[in-house]
N, C-alpha and C. Protein backbone atom coordinates (compact mmCIF):
# COMPACT_ATOMS: atom_id res chain seq x y z
N MET A 1 0.77 -1.43 0.06
CA MET A 1 -0.02 -0.21 0.10
C MET A 1 0.93 1.16 0.07
N LEU A 2 0.90 2.02 -0.90
CA LEU A 2 1.16 3.42 -0.87
C LEU A 2 0.75 4.56 -0.07
N SER A 3 1.50 5.03 0.58
CA SER A 3 1.33 6.02 1.54
C SER A 3 2.12 7.38 1.21
N THR A 4 1.40 8.54 1.17
CA THR A 4 2.21 9.96 0.76
C THR A 4 1.18 10.88 1.56
N THR A 5 1.98 11.96 1.23
CA THR A 5 0.87 13.20 1.74
C THR A 5 0.27 14.16 0.46
N ARG A 6 -0.76 14.77 0.83
CA ARG A 6 -1.27 15.70 -0.31
C ARG A 6 -0.08 16.68 -0.78
N ARG A 7 0.71 16.92 0.17
CA ARG A 7 1.71 18.09 0.09
C ARG A 7 2.61 17.53 -1.16
N LEU A 8 3.07 16.33 -0.82
CA LEU A 8 4.13 15.51 -1.97
C LEU A 8 3.54 15.53 -3.28
N ILE A 9 2.30 15.12 -3.21
CA ILE A 9 1.64 15.01 -4.29
C ILE A 9 1.39 16.21 -5.18
N ALA A 10 1.11 17.44 -4.42
CA ALA A 10 0.80 18.70 -5.02
C ALA A 10 2.43 19.32 -5.77
N VAL A 11 3.43 18.92 -4.97
CA VAL A 11 4.72 19.39 -5.16
C VAL A 11 5.12 18.63 -6.26
N SER A 12 4.98 17.38 -6.40
CA SER A 12 5.44 16.52 -7.52
C SER A 12 4.51 16.92 -8.66
N LEU A 13 3.41 17.26 -8.74
CA LEU A 13 2.63 17.80 -9.85
C LEU A 13 3.08 19.06 -10.42
N VAL A 14 3.44 20.13 -9.60
CA VAL A 14 4.06 21.42 -9.98
C VAL A 14 5.34 21.13 -10.63
N GLU A 15 6.16 20.13 -10.15
CA GLU A 15 7.27 20.01 -10.71
C GLU A 15 7.42 19.33 -12.05
N TYR A 16 6.20 18.77 -12.21
CA TYR A 16 6.00 18.01 -13.60
C TYR A 16 4.90 19.03 -14.60
N GLY A 17 4.90 20.16 -13.93
CA GLY A 17 4.09 21.17 -14.97
C GLY A 17 2.50 20.92 -14.67
N GLU A 18 2.13 20.51 -13.93
CA GLU A 18 0.56 20.43 -13.66
C GLU A 18 0.02 21.09 -12.46
N GLU A 19 0.42 22.54 -12.73
CA GLU A 19 -0.26 23.34 -11.53
C GLU A 19 -1.74 23.31 -11.18
N PRO A 20 -2.68 23.25 -12.18
CA PRO A 20 -4.06 23.34 -11.77
C PRO A 20 -4.43 22.11 -11.12
N ILE A 21 -3.79 20.74 -11.45
CA ILE A 21 -4.22 19.55 -10.84
C ILE A 21 -3.65 19.55 -9.54
N ALA A 22 -2.34 20.38 -9.26
CA ALA A 22 -1.91 20.33 -8.15
C ALA A 22 -2.74 21.17 -7.00
N ASP A 23 -3.16 22.28 -7.42
CA ASP A 23 -3.95 22.95 -6.60
C ASP A 23 -5.18 22.06 -6.01
N TRP A 24 -5.79 21.34 -7.02
CA TRP A 24 -7.16 20.47 -6.85
C TRP A 24 -6.62 19.37 -5.83
N ALA A 25 -5.36 18.67 -5.93
CA ALA A 25 -5.04 17.67 -5.08
C ALA A 25 -4.57 17.94 -3.81
N SER A 26 -4.18 19.12 -3.49
CA SER A 26 -3.81 19.68 -2.30
C SER A 26 -5.03 19.70 -1.25
N SER A 27 -6.15 19.75 -1.85
CA SER A 27 -7.59 19.86 -0.99
C SER A 27 -8.49 18.69 -1.41
N CYS A 28 -8.13 17.70 -2.28
CA CYS A 28 -9.12 16.62 -2.61
C CYS A 28 -9.83 15.96 -1.66
N ALA A 29 -11.13 15.52 -2.26
CA ALA A 29 -11.79 14.56 -1.22
C ALA A 29 -10.68 13.26 -0.85
N ASP A 30 -11.09 12.88 0.53
CA ASP A 30 -10.31 11.67 1.02
C ASP A 30 -10.51 10.66 -0.13
N ASP A 31 -11.66 10.33 -0.63
CA ASP A 31 -11.78 9.08 -1.63
C ASP A 31 -10.90 9.41 -2.90
N ASP A 32 -10.75 10.59 -3.22
CA ASP A 32 -9.80 10.99 -4.25
C ASP A 32 -8.30 10.62 -3.92
N PHE A 33 -8.18 11.08 -2.86
CA PHE A 33 -6.78 10.93 -2.17
C PHE A 33 -6.48 9.34 -2.07
N LEU A 34 -7.30 8.32 -1.63
CA LEU A 34 -7.08 6.99 -1.62
C LEU A 34 -7.20 6.59 -3.10
N ARG A 35 -7.77 6.95 -4.06
CA ARG A 35 -7.72 6.62 -5.37
C ARG A 35 -6.22 6.80 -5.92
N ILE A 36 -5.58 7.94 -5.65
CA ILE A 36 -4.50 8.63 -6.18
C ILE A 36 -3.35 7.72 -5.62
N CYS A 37 -3.46 7.25 -4.38
CA CYS A 37 -2.50 6.45 -3.64
C CYS A 37 -2.58 5.03 -4.45
N GLY A 38 -3.80 4.44 -4.77
CA GLY A 38 -4.20 3.17 -5.23
C GLY A 38 -3.37 3.04 -6.73
N ALA A 39 -3.66 4.26 -7.43
CA ALA A 39 -3.03 4.16 -8.79
C ALA A 39 -1.79 4.46 -8.74
N ALA A 40 -1.12 4.97 -8.12
CA ALA A 40 0.33 5.23 -7.97
C ALA A 40 0.95 4.08 -7.46
N ASP A 41 0.46 3.36 -6.41
CA ASP A 41 0.77 2.09 -6.13
C ASP A 41 0.80 1.15 -7.36
N TRP A 42 -0.12 1.05 -8.25
CA TRP A 42 -0.26 0.05 -9.40
C TRP A 42 1.02 0.58 -10.23
N LEU A 43 1.08 1.75 -10.47
CA LEU A 43 2.23 2.22 -11.46
C LEU A 43 3.33 2.02 -10.87
N LEU A 44 3.78 1.88 -9.71
CA LEU A 44 5.10 1.41 -9.11
C LEU A 44 5.42 -0.03 -9.20
N HIS A 45 4.29 -0.71 -9.10
CA HIS A 45 4.42 -2.27 -9.27
C HIS A 45 4.22 -2.95 -10.60
N GLU A 46 3.19 -2.44 -11.35
CA GLU A 46 2.75 -3.05 -12.43
C GLU A 46 2.95 -2.25 -13.73
N GLY A 47 3.47 -0.88 -13.73
CA GLY A 47 3.32 0.13 -14.75
C GLY A 47 4.57 -0.25 -15.39
N PRO A 48 5.09 0.83 -16.27
CA PRO A 48 6.16 0.78 -17.01
C PRO A 48 7.45 0.75 -16.34
N LYS A 49 8.34 0.25 -16.94
CA LYS A 49 9.63 0.03 -16.48
C LYS A 49 10.89 1.07 -17.41
N THR A 50 11.66 1.46 -16.73
CA THR A 50 12.69 2.06 -17.32
C THR A 50 13.52 1.17 -18.18
N ALA A 51 14.57 1.64 -19.00
CA ALA A 51 15.27 0.90 -19.88
C ALA A 51 16.16 -0.32 -18.88
N SER A 52 16.28 -0.07 -17.87
CA SER A 52 17.30 -0.63 -16.78
C SER A 52 16.26 -1.71 -16.09
N GLY A 53 14.81 -1.62 -16.41
CA GLY A 53 14.07 -2.40 -15.76
C GLY A 53 13.46 -2.09 -14.33
N ALA A 54 13.76 -0.86 -13.98
CA ALA A 54 13.39 -0.13 -12.70
C ALA A 54 11.99 0.30 -13.04
N SER A 55 11.33 0.41 -11.67
CA SER A 55 9.80 1.18 -12.10
C SER A 55 10.34 2.60 -12.02
N MET A 56 9.15 3.48 -12.44
CA MET A 56 9.12 4.71 -12.31
C MET A 56 9.54 5.41 -11.07
N THR A 57 10.08 6.72 -11.00
CA THR A 57 10.11 7.39 -9.47
C THR A 57 8.73 7.38 -9.02
N PHE A 58 8.84 7.90 -7.50
CA PHE A 58 7.89 7.96 -6.88
C PHE A 58 7.29 9.18 -7.11
N ALA A 59 8.03 10.20 -7.48
CA ALA A 59 7.14 11.37 -7.70
C ALA A 59 6.46 11.42 -9.16
N LYS A 60 6.99 10.55 -9.82
CA LYS A 60 6.26 10.61 -11.38
C LYS A 60 5.00 9.71 -11.17
N ALA A 61 5.04 8.63 -10.36
CA ALA A 61 3.84 7.90 -10.32
C ALA A 61 2.70 8.50 -9.51
N ILE A 62 2.86 9.34 -8.38
CA ILE A 62 1.82 10.02 -7.86
C ILE A 62 1.27 11.07 -8.57
N ALA A 63 2.30 11.97 -9.33
CA ALA A 63 1.59 12.69 -10.37
C ALA A 63 0.70 12.20 -11.50
N LEU A 64 1.51 11.09 -11.99
CA LEU A 64 0.56 10.47 -13.01
C LEU A 64 -0.69 9.87 -12.64
N ALA A 65 -0.83 9.49 -11.36
CA ALA A 65 -2.07 8.93 -10.79
C ALA A 65 -2.93 10.14 -10.32
N ALA A 66 -2.60 11.25 -9.91
CA ALA A 66 -3.33 12.40 -9.73
C ALA A 66 -4.17 13.03 -10.76
N VAL A 67 -3.51 12.97 -11.85
CA VAL A 67 -3.81 13.40 -13.31
C VAL A 67 -5.04 12.41 -13.71
N PHE A 68 -4.81 11.20 -13.63
CA PHE A 68 -5.69 10.09 -13.96
C PHE A 68 -7.10 10.29 -13.08
N VAL A 69 -7.01 10.52 -11.90
CA VAL A 69 -7.82 10.59 -10.77
C VAL A 69 -8.89 11.70 -11.12
N ARG A 70 -8.05 12.85 -11.48
CA ARG A 70 -8.70 14.36 -11.68
C ARG A 70 -9.38 14.38 -12.97
N GLU A 71 -8.87 13.81 -14.10
CA GLU A 71 -9.35 13.76 -15.32
C GLU A 71 -10.13 12.59 -15.95
N GLN A 72 -9.91 11.35 -15.20
CA GLN A 72 -10.79 10.18 -15.42
C GLN A 72 -10.25 9.49 -16.74
N LYS A 73 -8.92 9.85 -17.14
CA LYS A 73 -8.24 9.44 -18.28
C LYS A 73 -6.84 9.69 -18.18
N PRO A 74 -6.02 8.39 -18.43
CA PRO A 74 -4.57 8.58 -18.30
C PRO A 74 -4.09 9.42 -19.40
N ARG A 75 -2.81 9.88 -19.07
CA ARG A 75 -2.24 10.74 -20.18
C ARG A 75 -0.73 11.21 -19.87
N PRO A 76 0.37 11.56 -20.48
CA PRO A 76 1.53 11.63 -19.94
C PRO A 76 1.56 13.19 -19.26
N LEU A 77 2.47 13.58 -18.62
CA LEU A 77 2.52 14.58 -17.71
C LEU A 77 2.85 15.88 -18.67
N ALA A 78 2.66 17.01 -18.12
CA ALA A 78 3.03 18.17 -19.15
C ALA A 78 4.45 18.08 -19.38
N ARG A 79 5.42 17.90 -18.48
CA ARG A 79 6.74 17.80 -18.51
C ARG A 79 7.18 16.14 -18.24
N SER A 80 8.28 15.80 -18.99
CA SER A 80 8.64 14.59 -19.13
C SER A 80 9.65 14.45 -17.92
N ARG A 81 10.33 15.78 -17.64
CA ARG A 81 11.38 15.56 -16.49
C ARG A 81 10.74 16.76 -15.56
N ARG A 82 11.31 16.32 -14.26
CA ARG A 82 10.84 17.31 -13.31
C ARG A 82 11.76 18.63 -13.35
N LYS A 83 11.16 19.61 -13.01
CA LYS A 83 11.79 20.82 -12.94
C LYS A 83 11.63 21.15 -11.46
N ARG A 84 12.47 21.30 -10.67
CA ARG A 84 12.51 21.69 -9.28
C ARG A 84 11.91 23.22 -8.99
N GLU A 85 11.11 23.09 -8.18
CA GLU A 85 10.31 24.45 -7.76
C GLU A 85 10.72 24.87 -6.48
N GLU A 86 10.79 26.34 -6.14
CA GLU A 86 11.17 26.67 -4.99
C GLU A 86 10.01 26.63 -3.95
N LYS A 87 10.05 25.72 -3.23
CA LYS A 87 9.16 25.44 -2.10
C LYS A 87 7.77 25.54 -2.46
N PRO A 88 7.15 24.97 -3.44
CA PRO A 88 5.80 25.23 -3.75
C PRO A 88 4.99 24.61 -2.40
N PHE A 89 3.58 25.02 -2.33
CA PHE A 89 2.92 24.64 -1.01
C PHE A 89 3.38 24.63 0.26
N ALA A 90 4.34 25.41 0.42
CA ALA A 90 4.96 25.55 1.74
C ALA A 90 3.80 26.35 2.78
N GLY A 91 4.12 25.93 3.84
CA GLY A 91 2.93 26.69 4.78
C GLY A 91 2.52 25.60 5.79
N GLY A 92 1.72 25.98 6.68
CA GLY A 92 1.33 25.10 7.80
C GLY A 92 0.01 24.45 7.81
N ASP A 93 -0.66 24.56 6.62
CA ASP A 93 -1.82 23.56 6.47
C ASP A 93 -1.79 22.04 6.99
N PRO A 94 -2.21 21.63 8.12
CA PRO A 94 -2.09 20.41 8.49
C PRO A 94 -2.83 19.35 7.57
N LYS A 95 -3.52 19.65 6.77
CA LYS A 95 -4.44 18.82 5.62
C LYS A 95 -3.35 18.27 4.60
N LEU A 96 -2.36 19.03 4.42
CA LEU A 96 -1.37 18.87 3.35
C LEU A 96 -0.25 17.76 3.83
N ASP A 97 -0.41 17.80 5.02
CA ASP A 97 0.59 16.44 5.58
C ASP A 97 0.01 15.32 6.11
N GLU A 98 -1.49 15.21 6.02
CA GLU A 98 -2.20 14.09 6.47
C GLU A 98 -1.79 12.81 5.41
N ARG A 99 -1.73 11.55 5.91
CA ARG A 99 -1.55 10.33 5.27
C ARG A 99 -2.80 9.98 5.02
N PRO A 100 -3.14 8.72 3.78
CA PRO A 100 -4.27 8.32 3.79
C PRO A 100 -4.47 7.34 5.19
N ASP A 101 -5.93 7.03 5.11
CA ASP A 101 -6.37 6.47 6.34
C ASP A 101 -5.83 4.91 6.22
N PHE A 102 -4.88 4.45 6.91
CA PHE A 102 -4.30 3.15 6.42
C PHE A 102 -5.50 2.01 6.41
N TRP A 103 -6.37 1.86 7.55
CA TRP A 103 -7.50 0.76 7.46
C TRP A 103 -8.40 0.94 6.38
N LYS A 104 -8.70 2.32 6.00
CA LYS A 104 -9.48 2.31 4.70
C LYS A 104 -8.70 1.83 3.37
N GLN A 105 -7.50 2.06 3.31
CA GLN A 105 -6.68 1.52 2.40
C GLN A 105 -6.77 -0.08 2.30
N LEU A 106 -6.60 -0.81 3.68
CA LEU A 106 -6.65 -2.17 3.73
C LEU A 106 -7.84 -2.48 3.33
N GLU A 107 -9.09 -2.01 3.54
CA GLU A 107 -10.10 -2.54 3.30
C GLU A 107 -10.55 -2.40 1.62
N LEU A 108 -10.00 -1.40 1.18
CA LEU A 108 -10.20 -1.06 -0.25
C LEU A 108 -9.27 -1.82 -1.20
N GLY A 109 -8.17 -2.12 -0.60
CA GLY A 109 -6.97 -2.80 -1.66
C GLY A 109 -6.22 -1.92 -1.95
N ASP A 110 -5.03 -2.51 -2.40
CA ASP A 110 -3.68 -1.89 -2.73
C ASP A 110 -4.03 -0.95 -3.96
N HIS A 111 -4.79 -1.54 -5.04
CA HIS A 111 -4.84 -0.69 -6.31
C HIS A 111 -6.31 -0.26 -6.47
N TYR A 112 -6.73 0.55 -5.31
CA TYR A 112 -8.10 0.82 -5.32
C TYR A 112 -8.13 2.41 -6.23
N GLY A 113 -9.02 2.24 -7.09
CA GLY A 113 -9.27 3.51 -8.08
C GLY A 113 -8.68 3.28 -9.58
N VAL A 114 -7.77 2.07 -9.59
CA VAL A 114 -7.44 1.71 -11.05
C VAL A 114 -8.39 1.10 -11.91
N ALA A 115 -8.59 1.86 -12.98
CA ALA A 115 -9.86 1.37 -13.85
C ALA A 115 -9.07 0.82 -15.00
N GLY A 116 -9.74 -0.06 -15.77
CA GLY A 116 -9.31 -0.88 -17.15
C GLY A 116 -8.47 -0.25 -17.99
N THR A 117 -9.13 1.30 -18.26
CA THR A 117 -8.41 2.02 -19.16
C THR A 117 -7.34 2.54 -18.66
N PHE A 118 -7.03 2.88 -17.33
CA PHE A 118 -5.72 3.13 -16.86
C PHE A 118 -4.52 2.08 -16.93
N SER A 119 -5.00 0.94 -16.47
CA SER A 119 -4.35 -0.18 -16.71
C SER A 119 -3.62 -0.44 -18.07
N ALA A 120 -4.56 -0.54 -18.92
CA ALA A 120 -4.46 -0.74 -20.43
C ALA A 120 -3.47 0.12 -20.87
N TYR A 121 -3.74 1.57 -20.69
CA TYR A 121 -2.98 2.49 -21.20
C TYR A 121 -1.37 2.45 -20.88
N TRP A 122 -1.15 2.26 -19.68
CA TRP A 122 0.17 2.28 -19.07
C TRP A 122 0.93 0.73 -19.32
N LYS A 123 0.15 -0.13 -19.35
CA LYS A 123 0.71 -1.45 -19.91
C LYS A 123 1.41 -1.11 -21.29
N ASN A 124 0.67 -0.49 -22.21
CA ASN A 124 1.02 -0.25 -23.53
C ASN A 124 2.10 0.72 -23.75
N ALA A 125 2.31 1.08 -22.72
CA ALA A 125 3.44 2.41 -22.63
C ALA A 125 4.72 1.86 -22.44
N ASP A 126 5.04 0.57 -22.36
CA ASP A 126 6.21 -0.12 -22.07
C ASP A 126 7.25 0.11 -23.52
């Protein structure tokens, strides 16, 4: 089960050029947050691999998963490489640092939110 924070999802989205989705992800509904974690978990374990056979980076997986959950369809990110930004989403909002409910994740399963279109799209991306 993948666990992250809304802040890390939002920062990753900004670094990949997905600012509007980053704003949404920073305060998305708990169910959407669980779906992002489930889809990112699938990408890391079942998704496309690098030329060396490694999985994609954690930041890329959570950004791709957030785009999918928000838009309801998979697509590549606006930028293929991360551009480090100067402290996006800095501040003291405690919601940004919450992690998903572990027991709810356990109940819903590791890949909660992964639709057939999502897995088919990324399986063909190898």
